[in-house]
Amino acid sequence: MKPLCVDLDGTLIATDTLWESVLLLLRHNFLLIFLLPLWLIKGKAYFKHQIAQQITLDVTTLPYRENVLAFLQREKDAGRHLVLATAAHHSIAQAVAEHLKLFDDTIATDAHTNMKGITKREALKQRFGIYDYIGDSPADLPILQAADQGYFVGTPRLECPPDRIFTVPQTSWLAWLKVLRPHQWVKNLLILLPLLLAHEFLNLDKLGNALLAFIVFSGAASAGYILNDLLDLQADRAHPIKKNRPFAGGLVPIQYGLPFFIILIGLSFLISLWWLPLLFTGMLALYLLSTIAYSFYFKHKLIVDVFLLAGLYTLRILAGGIAVSIPASSWLLAFSMFIFISLAFLKRYIELLQQYSQKVMKNRSYEVDDIELIATVGISSGYIAVLVFALYINSDKVATLYHSAAFLWMICPVLLYWITRVWFLAKRQRVLEDPIQFALTDKISWIVVACIFVFMVLAEFIG
C-alpha cells in the first residue's frame, strides 16, 4: 500500500512552527533577534537548525486540525503507512510524531537541507516512488502534482475532488477585530478623566484632543495586546479561556501578527506627532516601551508585574492631562494607583483560582498558596483608594470645583460596595478573566457608574 505523506504547518496544525519557534526564542532571549539575520543569510535550513538548538517547542499545545487527525487515524487503523513530511526542523517533526503516535516515518529539515517544495517532492519520490500527499499551501503544489492522490486542507489551489478536501475555518473580520481586543479600549477612557474632573468637558478644542489621544492609545494598546498574545501562545493554549484567542486557536495566522503590530504603532505615532503635544508622544512611547517590557520580562516577576500594570493605568491619566493641557491632580493619581493595584491583584487572583491544580502558574511567579495573601493585599488596596477619595473630599480643591461636597461622600459607600462585591464574585469564580471586562457586562457595575456620575453632577450644581 502506497504511503500517505502529510505536511505539518497549515495542514496538520493551524499554525506555523517556524514563527512559533522564532517568537518563543525572542521571549526567552530578546537579544538573539540580532543573530536572526546572520543565521538567515546562511540559508533557511541553517536558520531553522540554529533556532531549534536554542528552544524546545511544546508540541502538545499546538492547534491540531481535528478533521485531519480523524482521517489519519482511520487510515492508520486500515494499515496505512503514514509519513510526516514537513519543512519544519526534524526535532519538531519527531516531537509531533511521538506525541500523536500516528506516523511511521518522518521527513523534515535538518542543518543542511530545507525540506520544502521541490526538495520535498524529490525526497518523497526517491524514498517511496508512488505516494499520496496532504498539503495546504502554494509550496505544496509541486508535491501534490507529483502525488498519486492529493488531498488539500483549506481552499484548493488545483483541481481536487470534494472528498479529498478538508475544510477549515476562514479568517474572518470578526477574528481580526478580536485580535485588537476592542473591549479593552474602555481602559483608555481614563485619558478623559483630567478633562472631566476639571469641568472642561464642553471645551471642544480640548475635547477633540482628548478623543484623538484616546484613539492613539487604543491603537498602541491593541499593538501591545498583539505582541503579548504572540509571546504567550503556549501559555494561552493551556488556559481554559485564553486558548480561544485568535492567534492561540489558529483562527488568525501568527505570521501576520508582527506586521499588524508595526502598522498599528506607526499609525498611532503618526497621529500623535501630527496633532498632539510632543510630550504626549513621549508618554505614548513610555507606555509602549513599558508594555513591551512587561510582555518580555516583567510579566514573570513577582509583585513587580502588578505594580507595572497599575502604573500603566495611571500613565493613561497623566497622558490625558498632557493632551488637554490640564495637569492630573496628585489626588487623582494616588486614587488611580491604589484602585488599579487592587484590580491587578484581582486579575492574578482569578488566574490562580482557575489553575488551582497547578502549583506554579504558567508564565507567572505566583503559587497557589499565595492566593489568600493576594486577596488581602488586593482588597486592602481597593479600600485605601476609597480612603484617598475621602481625604480628597476634604481638600481645598473640592471647594473650588463643587458647590456641595456632601454628595461626593455618597460615592464612598458605593465604591466600597463595588470593590467588595467584585472580590466576592471572584472568590465564587463568577469573574472569569479580566475584571474590567467583567464590569462591562455586569449590570450592577453599570448602576454603580451611573450612581457615581449622578452624585458628581449633584455635587457640582446643587448647593
Protein backbone atom coordinates (compact mmCIF):
# COMPACT_ATOMS: atom_id res chain seq x y z
CA MET A 1 0.00 0.00 0.00
CA LYS A 2 1.40 3.39 -1.00
CA PRO A 3 2.28 5.70 1.91
CA LEU A 4 0.26 8.74 2.88
CA CYS A 5 2.54 11.75 3.42
CA VAL A 6 1.28 14.68 5.48
CA ASP A 7 2.54 18.24 5.71
CA LEU A 8 2.68 19.85 9.18
CA ASP A 9 2.41 23.65 9.10
CA GLY A 10 -1.04 24.79 7.99
CA THR A 11 -2.05 21.21 7.22
CA LEU A 12 -1.89 19.07 10.33
CA ILE A 13 -1.80 22.16 12.57
CA ALA A 14 -3.42 25.59 12.20
CA THR A 15 -0.18 27.48 12.74
CA ASP A 16 3.42 27.79 11.54
CA THR A 17 6.08 26.15 13.72
CA LEU A 18 8.88 28.37 12.39
CA TRP A 19 7.09 31.53 13.51
CA GLU A 20 6.16 29.83 16.76
CA SER A 21 9.83 28.97 17.32
CA VAL A 22 11.06 32.48 16.50
CA LEU A 23 8.56 34.04 18.93
CA LEU A 24 9.48 31.55 21.63
CA LEU A 25 13.15 32.31 21.05
CA LEU A 26 12.60 36.05 21.41
CA ARG A 27 10.55 35.58 24.56
CA HIS A 28 13.39 33.62 26.16
CA ASN A 29 16.17 35.92 24.96
CA PHE A 30 15.21 39.03 23.00
CA LEU A 31 18.85 39.90 22.24
CA LEU A 32 19.03 36.92 19.89
CA ILE A 33 16.96 38.97 17.44
CA PHE A 34 20.27 40.43 16.23
CA LEU A 35 21.54 36.97 15.30
CA LEU A 36 18.48 36.02 13.25
CA PRO A 37 19.56 37.90 10.07
CA LEU A 38 23.04 36.34 10.29
CA TRP A 39 21.56 32.86 10.57
CA LEU A 40 19.17 33.52 7.69
CA ILE A 41 22.00 34.64 5.40
CA LYS A 42 23.41 31.12 5.66
CA GLY A 43 20.18 29.61 4.40
CA LYS A 44 16.76 28.62 5.62
CA ALA A 45 17.91 25.18 6.80
CA TYR A 46 20.72 26.65 8.91
CA PHE A 47 18.30 29.29 10.23
CA LYS A 48 15.80 26.67 11.41
CA HIS A 49 18.55 24.48 12.86
CA GLN A 50 20.05 27.28 14.94
CA ILE A 51 16.66 28.24 16.36
CA ALA A 52 15.94 24.60 17.21
CA GLN A 53 19.19 24.46 19.18
CA GLN A 54 18.02 27.32 21.39
CA ILE A 55 14.42 26.38 22.26
CA THR A 56 12.08 23.44 22.67
CA LEU A 57 8.62 23.90 21.20
CA ASP A 58 5.81 22.37 23.24
CA VAL A 59 4.04 20.38 20.52
CA THR A 60 1.34 19.13 22.90
CA THR A 61 -0.35 22.56 22.88
CA LEU A 62 -0.31 23.15 19.12
CA PRO A 63 -3.74 23.70 17.47
CA TYR A 64 -4.16 20.40 15.60
CA ARG A 65 -6.83 20.13 12.92
CA GLU A 66 -9.33 17.63 14.26
CA ASN A 67 -10.75 16.63 10.86
CA VAL A 68 -7.26 15.83 9.51
CA LEU A 69 -6.36 13.87 12.66
CA ALA A 70 -9.57 11.84 12.42
CA PHE A 71 -8.83 10.98 8.78
CA LEU A 72 -5.25 9.96 9.62
CA GLN A 73 -6.47 7.77 12.47
CA ARG A 74 -8.83 5.95 10.11
CA GLU A 75 -6.02 5.42 7.59
CA LYS A 76 -3.72 4.23 10.36
CA ASP A 77 -6.33 1.73 11.56
CA ALA A 78 -6.64 0.46 7.99
CA GLY A 79 -2.94 -0.35 7.97
CA ARG A 80 -1.73 2.69 6.01
CA HIS A 81 1.93 3.74 6.28
CA LEU A 82 1.84 7.37 7.46
CA VAL A 83 4.71 9.80 6.92
CA LEU A 84 5.08 13.27 8.42
CA ALA A 85 6.78 15.20 5.61
CA THR A 86 7.46 18.77 6.67
CA ALA A 87 9.72 21.76 6.19
CA ALA A 88 9.82 22.14 9.96
CA HIS A 89 13.01 21.16 11.77
CA HIS A 90 13.41 17.44 12.34
CA SER A 91 13.35 17.90 16.13
CA ILE A 92 9.84 19.38 15.87
CA ALA A 93 8.68 16.70 13.43
CA GLN A 94 9.96 13.97 15.72
CA ALA A 95 8.27 15.53 18.75
CA VAL A 96 4.94 15.75 16.89
CA ALA A 97 5.24 12.12 15.74
CA GLU A 98 5.97 10.94 19.28
CA HIS A 99 3.06 12.98 20.66
CA LEU A 100 0.44 11.80 18.16
CA LYS A 101 1.69 8.22 17.80
CA LEU A 102 0.32 8.10 14.25
CA PHE A 103 3.34 8.33 12.00
CA ASP A 104 5.65 5.53 10.96
CA ASP A 105 8.28 7.83 9.48
CA THR A 106 9.31 11.50 9.35
CA ILE A 107 10.98 13.55 6.64
CA ALA A 108 11.98 17.02 7.77
CA THR A 109 14.50 19.84 7.57
CA ASP A 110 17.99 19.30 9.01
CA ALA A 111 21.03 21.58 9.32
CA HIS A 112 21.77 21.36 5.59
CA THR A 113 18.51 20.73 3.70
CA ASN A 114 15.29 22.76 3.87
CA MET A 115 12.64 20.14 3.13
CA LYS A 116 10.21 22.33 1.24
CA GLY A 117 8.63 22.44 -2.23
CA ILE A 118 10.58 20.69 -4.97
CA THR A 119 13.18 19.44 -2.48
CA LYS A 120 10.47 17.65 -0.51
CA ARG A 121 8.94 16.27 -3.70
CA GLU A 122 12.24 14.75 -4.83
CA ALA A 123 12.85 13.27 -1.38
CA LEU A 124 9.42 11.62 -1.38
CA LYS A 125 9.84 10.27 -4.92
CA GLN A 126 13.28 8.89 -4.14
CA ARG A 127 12.16 7.15 -0.97
CA PHE A 128 8.68 5.92 -1.93
CA GLY A 129 8.25 6.33 -5.68
CA ILE A 130 4.45 6.50 -5.52
CA TYR A 131 2.78 8.33 -2.64
CA ASP A 132 -0.34 10.25 -1.60
CA TYR A 133 0.06 13.67 -0.06
CA ILE A 134 -1.92 16.11 2.10
CA GLY A 135 -0.90 19.78 1.81
CA ASP A 136 -2.26 23.29 2.09
CA SER A 137 -0.02 25.96 0.54
CA PRO A 138 1.45 27.01 -2.83
CA ALA A 139 4.73 25.41 -1.74
CA ASP A 140 2.90 22.05 -1.70
CA LEU A 141 1.70 22.31 -5.32
CA PRO A 142 4.69 20.52 -6.96
CA ILE A 143 4.38 17.75 -4.37
CA LEU A 144 0.62 17.42 -4.90
CA GLN A 145 1.02 17.37 -8.69
CA ALA A 146 3.53 14.52 -8.43
CA ALA A 147 1.41 12.56 -5.95
CA ASP A 148 -0.81 9.68 -6.98
CA GLN A 149 -3.62 11.23 -4.98
CA GLY A 150 -3.58 14.70 -3.50
CA TYR A 151 -5.57 15.99 -0.54
CA PHE A 152 -5.92 19.68 0.21
CA VAL A 153 -6.55 21.47 3.50
CA GLY A 154 -8.49 24.71 3.01
CA THR A 155 -9.29 26.26 -0.38
CA PRO A 156 -7.81 24.03 -3.12
CA ARG A 157 -5.24 25.62 -5.44
CA LEU A 158 -5.65 22.92 -8.08
CA GLU A 159 -8.36 20.50 -9.17
CA CYS A 160 -9.26 18.30 -6.23
CA PRO A 161 -12.34 16.08 -5.70
CA PRO A 162 -14.58 17.28 -2.86
CA ASP A 163 -13.96 14.11 -0.84
CA ARG A 164 -10.24 14.96 -0.74
CA ILE A 165 -10.70 18.49 0.62
CA PHE A 166 -10.51 19.24 4.35
CA THR A 167 -12.48 22.36 5.20
CA VAL A 168 -11.04 24.76 7.76
CA PRO A 169 -12.44 27.91 9.40
CA GLN A 170 -11.67 31.00 7.31
CA THR A 171 -10.09 34.03 8.91
CA SER A 172 -12.96 36.49 9.33
CA TRP A 173 -13.05 40.19 10.09
CA LEU A 174 -14.51 39.28 13.49
CA ALA A 175 -11.38 37.26 14.26
CA TRP A 176 -9.20 40.22 13.30
CA LEU A 177 -11.36 42.51 15.43
CA LYS A 178 -10.94 40.10 18.33
CA VAL A 179 -7.16 40.34 17.87
CA LEU A 180 -7.44 44.08 18.61
CA ARG A 181 -9.40 43.40 21.84
CA PRO A 182 -11.66 46.45 21.38
CA HIS A 183 -13.38 45.73 24.71
CA GLN A 184 -10.08 46.71 26.36
CA TRP A 185 -10.24 50.19 24.84
CA VAL A 186 -12.58 51.19 27.64
CA LYS A 187 -9.46 51.41 29.83
CA ASN A 188 -8.29 54.30 27.67
CA LEU A 189 -11.32 56.34 28.77
CA LEU A 190 -9.06 57.19 31.71
CA ILE A 191 -7.46 59.68 29.31
CA LEU A 192 -10.67 61.74 29.55
CA LEU A 193 -10.63 61.94 33.35
CA PRO A 194 -8.47 65.10 33.75
CA LEU A 195 -10.77 66.95 31.34
CA LEU A 196 -13.92 65.65 33.04
CA LEU A 197 -12.79 66.31 36.61
CA ALA A 198 -11.60 69.82 35.69
CA HIS A 199 -15.16 70.51 34.45
CA GLU A 200 -13.94 71.47 30.98
CA PHE A 201 -15.69 68.73 29.05
CA LEU A 202 -17.58 71.31 26.97
CA ASN A 203 -14.33 72.85 25.69
CA LEU A 204 -14.49 71.49 22.14
CA ASP A 205 -10.81 72.03 21.32
CA LYS A 206 -9.68 70.15 24.39
CA LEU A 207 -12.35 67.50 23.90
CA GLY A 208 -11.08 66.94 20.35
CA ASN A 209 -7.53 66.48 21.62
CA ALA A 210 -8.73 64.09 24.31
CA LEU A 211 -10.60 61.97 21.76
CA LEU A 212 -7.54 61.87 19.48
CA ALA A 213 -5.46 60.81 22.48
CA PHE A 214 -8.00 58.06 23.17
CA ILE A 215 -7.72 56.80 19.57
CA VAL A 216 -3.92 56.88 19.67
CA PHE A 217 -3.71 54.99 22.95
CA SER A 218 -6.26 52.46 21.75
CA GLY A 219 -4.11 51.73 18.70
CA ALA A 220 -0.98 51.39 20.81
CA ALA A 221 -2.82 49.24 23.36
CA SER A 222 -4.06 46.89 20.61
CA ALA A 223 -0.50 46.60 19.32
CA GLY A 224 0.62 45.69 22.83
CA TYR A 225 -2.08 43.01 23.08
CA ILE A 226 -0.99 41.55 19.73
CA LEU A 227 2.61 41.30 20.93
CA ASN A 228 1.51 39.83 24.25
CA ASP A 229 -0.64 37.20 22.50
CA LEU A 230 2.21 36.24 20.17
CA LEU A 231 4.63 35.79 23.06
CA ASP A 232 2.12 33.88 25.20
CA LEU A 233 0.92 31.32 22.65
CA GLN A 234 1.84 28.21 24.63
CA ALA A 235 0.55 29.55 27.95
CA ASP A 236 -2.70 30.75 26.35
CA ARG A 237 -3.34 27.32 24.80
CA ALA A 238 -3.08 25.75 28.25
CA HIS A 239 -5.65 28.22 29.63
CA PRO A 240 -9.36 27.26 29.61
CA ILE A 241 -10.46 30.64 28.21
CA LYS A 242 -7.39 32.19 26.55
CA LYS A 243 -6.97 29.13 24.30
CA ASN A 244 -9.79 30.60 22.17
CA ARG A 245 -7.83 33.76 21.34
CA PRO A 246 -7.35 34.12 17.55
CA PHE A 247 -3.58 33.52 17.46
CA ALA A 248 -3.59 30.73 20.04
CA GLY A 249 -6.52 28.95 18.38
CA GLY A 250 -5.12 29.28 14.86
CA LEU A 251 -8.02 31.48 13.68
CA VAL A 252 -5.56 34.17 12.53
CA PRO A 253 -2.13 33.23 11.08
CA ILE A 254 0.58 34.23 13.54
CA GLN A 255 2.87 35.39 10.73
CA TYR A 256 0.55 38.38 10.25
CA GLY A 257 0.90 39.42 13.88
CA LEU A 258 4.19 41.34 13.77
CA PRO A 259 3.36 43.31 10.57
CA PHE A 260 0.00 44.24 12.09
CA PHE A 261 1.79 45.30 15.29
CA ILE A 262 4.14 47.58 13.30
CA ILE A 263 1.26 49.13 11.32
CA LEU A 264 -0.69 49.98 14.48
CA ILE A 265 2.36 51.51 16.14
CA GLY A 266 3.19 53.54 13.04
CA LEU A 267 -0.34 54.95 12.73
CA SER A 268 -0.55 55.77 16.44
CA PHE A 269 2.71 57.71 16.46
CA LEU A 270 1.92 59.44 13.17
CA ILE A 271 -1.38 60.79 14.55
CA SER A 272 0.25 61.74 17.83
CA LEU A 273 3.17 63.62 16.25
CA TRP A 274 0.92 65.44 13.80
CA TRP A 275 -1.89 66.62 16.09
CA LEU A 276 -0.93 66.23 19.76
CA PRO A 277 1.74 67.77 22.02
CA LEU A 278 5.24 66.34 21.73
CA LEU A 279 5.26 65.50 25.44
CA PHE A 280 2.14 63.37 24.89
CA THR A 281 4.03 61.43 22.20
CA GLY A 282 6.77 60.89 24.78
CA MET A 283 4.18 59.46 27.18
CA LEU A 284 2.88 57.23 24.37
CA ALA A 285 6.43 55.98 23.77
CA LEU A 286 6.84 55.34 27.51
CA TYR A 287 3.56 53.42 27.54
CA LEU A 288 4.60 51.30 24.57
CA LEU A 289 8.06 50.56 25.97
CA SER A 290 6.50 49.63 29.31
CA THR A 291 4.03 47.23 27.69
CA ILE A 292 6.82 45.61 25.66
CA ALA A 293 8.99 45.31 28.78
CA TYR A 294 6.01 43.79 30.58
CA SER A 295 5.43 41.24 27.81
CA PHE A 296 9.07 40.20 27.55
CA TYR A 297 10.24 40.40 31.16
CA PHE A 298 8.19 41.94 33.96
CA LYS A 299 5.14 39.73 33.43
CA HIS A 300 7.11 36.95 35.07
CA LYS A 301 8.30 38.99 38.10
CA LEU A 302 6.51 38.61 41.42
CA ILE A 303 4.63 41.78 42.54
CA VAL A 304 6.51 43.94 40.00
CA ASP A 305 4.09 42.81 37.29
CA VAL A 306 1.11 44.05 39.30
CA PHE A 307 2.69 47.43 40.06
CA LEU A 308 3.61 47.89 36.41
CA LEU A 309 0.06 47.10 35.30
CA ALA A 310 -1.31 49.63 37.79
CA GLY A 311 1.29 52.13 36.61
CA LEU A 312 0.12 51.76 33.01
CA TYR A 313 -3.39 52.79 34.07
CA THR A 314 -2.04 55.83 35.89
CA LEU A 315 0.14 56.69 32.90
CA ARG A 316 -3.03 56.94 30.79
CA ILE A 317 -4.37 59.61 33.15
CA LEU A 318 -1.10 61.54 33.02
CA ALA A 319 -1.07 61.37 29.23
CA GLY A 320 -4.69 62.54 29.09
CA GLY A 321 -3.81 65.58 31.19
CA ILE A 322 -0.89 66.43 28.88
CA ALA A 323 -3.07 66.06 25.77
CA VAL A 324 -5.52 68.71 27.02
CA SER A 325 -3.01 70.83 28.97
CA ILE A 326 -4.69 70.06 32.30
CA PRO A 327 -2.27 68.51 34.80
CA ALA A 328 -3.71 65.50 36.62
CA SER A 329 -4.04 66.17 40.35
CA SER A 330 -1.98 64.23 42.88
CA TRP A 331 -5.26 63.07 44.45
CA LEU A 332 -6.40 61.51 41.18
CA LEU A 333 -3.04 59.82 40.61
CA ALA A 334 -2.98 58.38 44.14
CA PHE A 335 -6.55 57.08 43.82
CA SER A 336 -5.73 55.59 40.43
CA MET A 337 -2.64 53.77 41.67
CA PHE A 338 -4.41 52.10 44.61
CA ILE A 339 -7.61 51.16 42.78
CA PHE A 340 -5.70 49.64 39.88
CA ILE A 341 -3.30 47.78 42.14
CA SER A 342 -6.43 46.22 43.61
CA LEU A 343 -7.73 45.25 40.15
CA ALA A 344 -4.34 43.96 39.01
CA PHE A 345 -4.12 41.68 42.07
CA LEU A 346 -7.71 40.64 41.38
CA LYS A 347 -6.65 39.54 37.88
CA ARG A 348 -3.88 37.38 39.37
CA TYR A 349 -6.31 36.02 41.98
CA ILE A 350 -8.72 34.94 39.23
CA GLU A 351 -5.93 33.24 37.29
CA LEU A 352 -4.81 31.32 40.38
CA LEU A 353 -8.33 30.12 41.08
CA GLN A 354 -8.62 28.82 37.53
CA GLN A 355 -5.31 26.98 37.77
CA TYR A 356 -5.62 25.69 41.33
CA SER A 357 -4.44 22.23 40.27
CA GLN A 358 -1.01 23.59 39.27
CA LYS A 359 1.49 24.52 41.93
CA VAL A 360 3.01 27.31 39.82
CA MET A 361 1.12 29.28 37.19
CA LYS A 362 2.12 29.24 33.54
CA ASN A 363 4.38 32.21 32.81
CA ARG A 364 3.85 33.65 36.29
CA SER A 365 5.78 33.74 39.57
CA TYR A 366 2.75 33.18 41.78
CA GLU A 367 1.96 29.95 43.59
CA VAL A 368 -1.43 28.64 44.58
CA ASP A 369 -0.51 29.10 48.25
CA ASP A 370 -0.25 32.86 47.59
CA ILE A 371 -3.94 33.20 46.85
CA GLU A 372 -5.09 34.38 50.30
CA LEU A 373 -2.27 36.92 50.55
CA ILE A 374 -3.12 38.24 47.08
CA ALA A 375 -6.75 38.67 48.16
CA THR A 376 -5.72 40.50 51.34
CA VAL A 377 -3.42 42.94 49.54
CA GLY A 378 -5.87 43.43 46.68
CA ILE A 379 -8.88 44.21 48.86
CA SER A 380 -6.81 46.47 51.12
CA SER A 381 -5.56 48.45 48.11
CA GLY A 382 -9.12 48.98 46.95
CA TYR A 383 -10.18 50.24 50.36
CA ILE A 384 -7.17 52.57 50.54
CA ALA A 385 -8.26 54.03 47.19
CA VAL A 386 -11.62 54.90 48.78
CA LEU A 387 -9.78 56.45 51.74
CA VAL A 388 -7.77 58.61 49.33
CA PHE A 389 -11.03 59.75 47.74
CA ALA A 390 -12.48 60.59 51.17
CA LEU A 391 -9.42 62.70 52.00
CA TYR A 392 -9.75 64.43 48.63
CA ILE A 393 -13.33 65.46 49.51
CA ASN A 394 -11.94 67.43 52.45
CA SER A 395 -9.29 69.18 50.35
CA ASP A 396 -9.35 72.80 49.20
CA LYS A 397 -9.50 71.57 45.57
CA VAL A 398 -13.04 70.29 46.03
CA ALA A 399 -14.29 73.61 47.36
CA THR A 400 -13.30 75.33 44.10
CA LEU A 401 -14.93 72.72 41.84
CA TYR A 402 -18.13 71.67 43.62
CA HIS A 403 -20.96 73.53 45.34
CA SER A 404 -21.80 70.74 47.77
CA ALA A 405 -19.21 68.15 48.81
CA ALA A 406 -21.86 66.26 50.79
CA PHE A 407 -22.99 64.44 47.64
CA LEU A 408 -19.42 63.30 46.99
CA TRP A 409 -19.45 61.44 50.31
CA MET A 410 -22.17 59.21 48.88
CA ILE A 411 -19.65 57.91 46.35
CA CYS A 412 -17.54 56.33 49.11
CA PRO A 413 -20.03 53.61 50.16
CA VAL A 414 -20.84 52.95 46.50
CA LEU A 415 -17.16 52.32 45.74
CA LEU A 416 -16.73 50.18 48.85
CA TYR A 417 -19.75 48.13 47.82
CA TRP A 418 -18.44 47.57 44.26
CA ILE A 419 -14.91 46.64 45.36
CA THR A 420 -16.19 44.20 47.99
CA ARG A 421 -18.74 42.69 45.62
CA VAL A 422 -16.32 42.05 42.78
CA TRP A 423 -13.91 40.28 45.15
CA PHE A 424 -16.76 38.15 46.49
CA LEU A 425 -17.78 37.20 42.95
CA ALA A 426 -14.16 36.40 42.07
CA LYS A 427 -13.98 34.09 45.08
CA ARG A 428 -17.10 32.31 43.78
CA GLN A 429 -15.45 32.08 40.31
CA ARG A 430 -18.09 34.25 38.69
CA VAL A 431 -15.45 36.67 37.37
CA LEU A 432 -13.71 34.54 34.77
CA GLU A 433 -10.95 36.75 33.38
CA ASP A 434 -10.25 40.47 33.32
CA PRO A 435 -12.22 42.43 35.99
CA ILE A 436 -12.59 45.39 33.61
CA GLN A 437 -14.11 43.10 31.01
CA PHE A 438 -16.43 41.70 33.68
CA ALA A 439 -17.55 45.20 34.67
CA LEU A 440 -18.53 45.96 31.07
CA THR A 441 -21.03 43.09 31.05
CA ASP A 442 -22.22 43.41 34.66
CA LYS A 443 -25.46 45.35 35.22
CA ILE A 444 -24.61 46.20 38.83
CA SER A 445 -21.31 47.74 37.73
CA TRP A 446 -23.15 49.95 35.26
CA ILE A 447 -25.56 51.03 38.03
CA VAL A 448 -22.56 51.87 40.23
CA VAL A 449 -21.05 54.03 37.48
CA ALA A 450 -24.40 55.77 36.96
CA CYS A 451 -24.74 56.49 40.70
CA ILE A 452 -21.22 57.96 40.85
CA PHE A 453 -22.00 60.20 37.86
CA VAL A 454 -25.28 61.37 39.40
CA PHE A 455 -23.63 62.21 42.74
CA MET A 456 -20.88 64.19 40.95
CA VAL A 457 -23.46 66.17 38.98
CA LEU A 458 -25.49 66.89 42.14
CA ALA A 459 -22.33 67.98 43.96
CA GLU A 460 -21.50 70.41 41.17
CA PHE A 461 -24.89 72.02 40.60
CA ILE A 462 -26.76 71.79 43.93
CA GLY A 463 -25.62 73.68 46.93
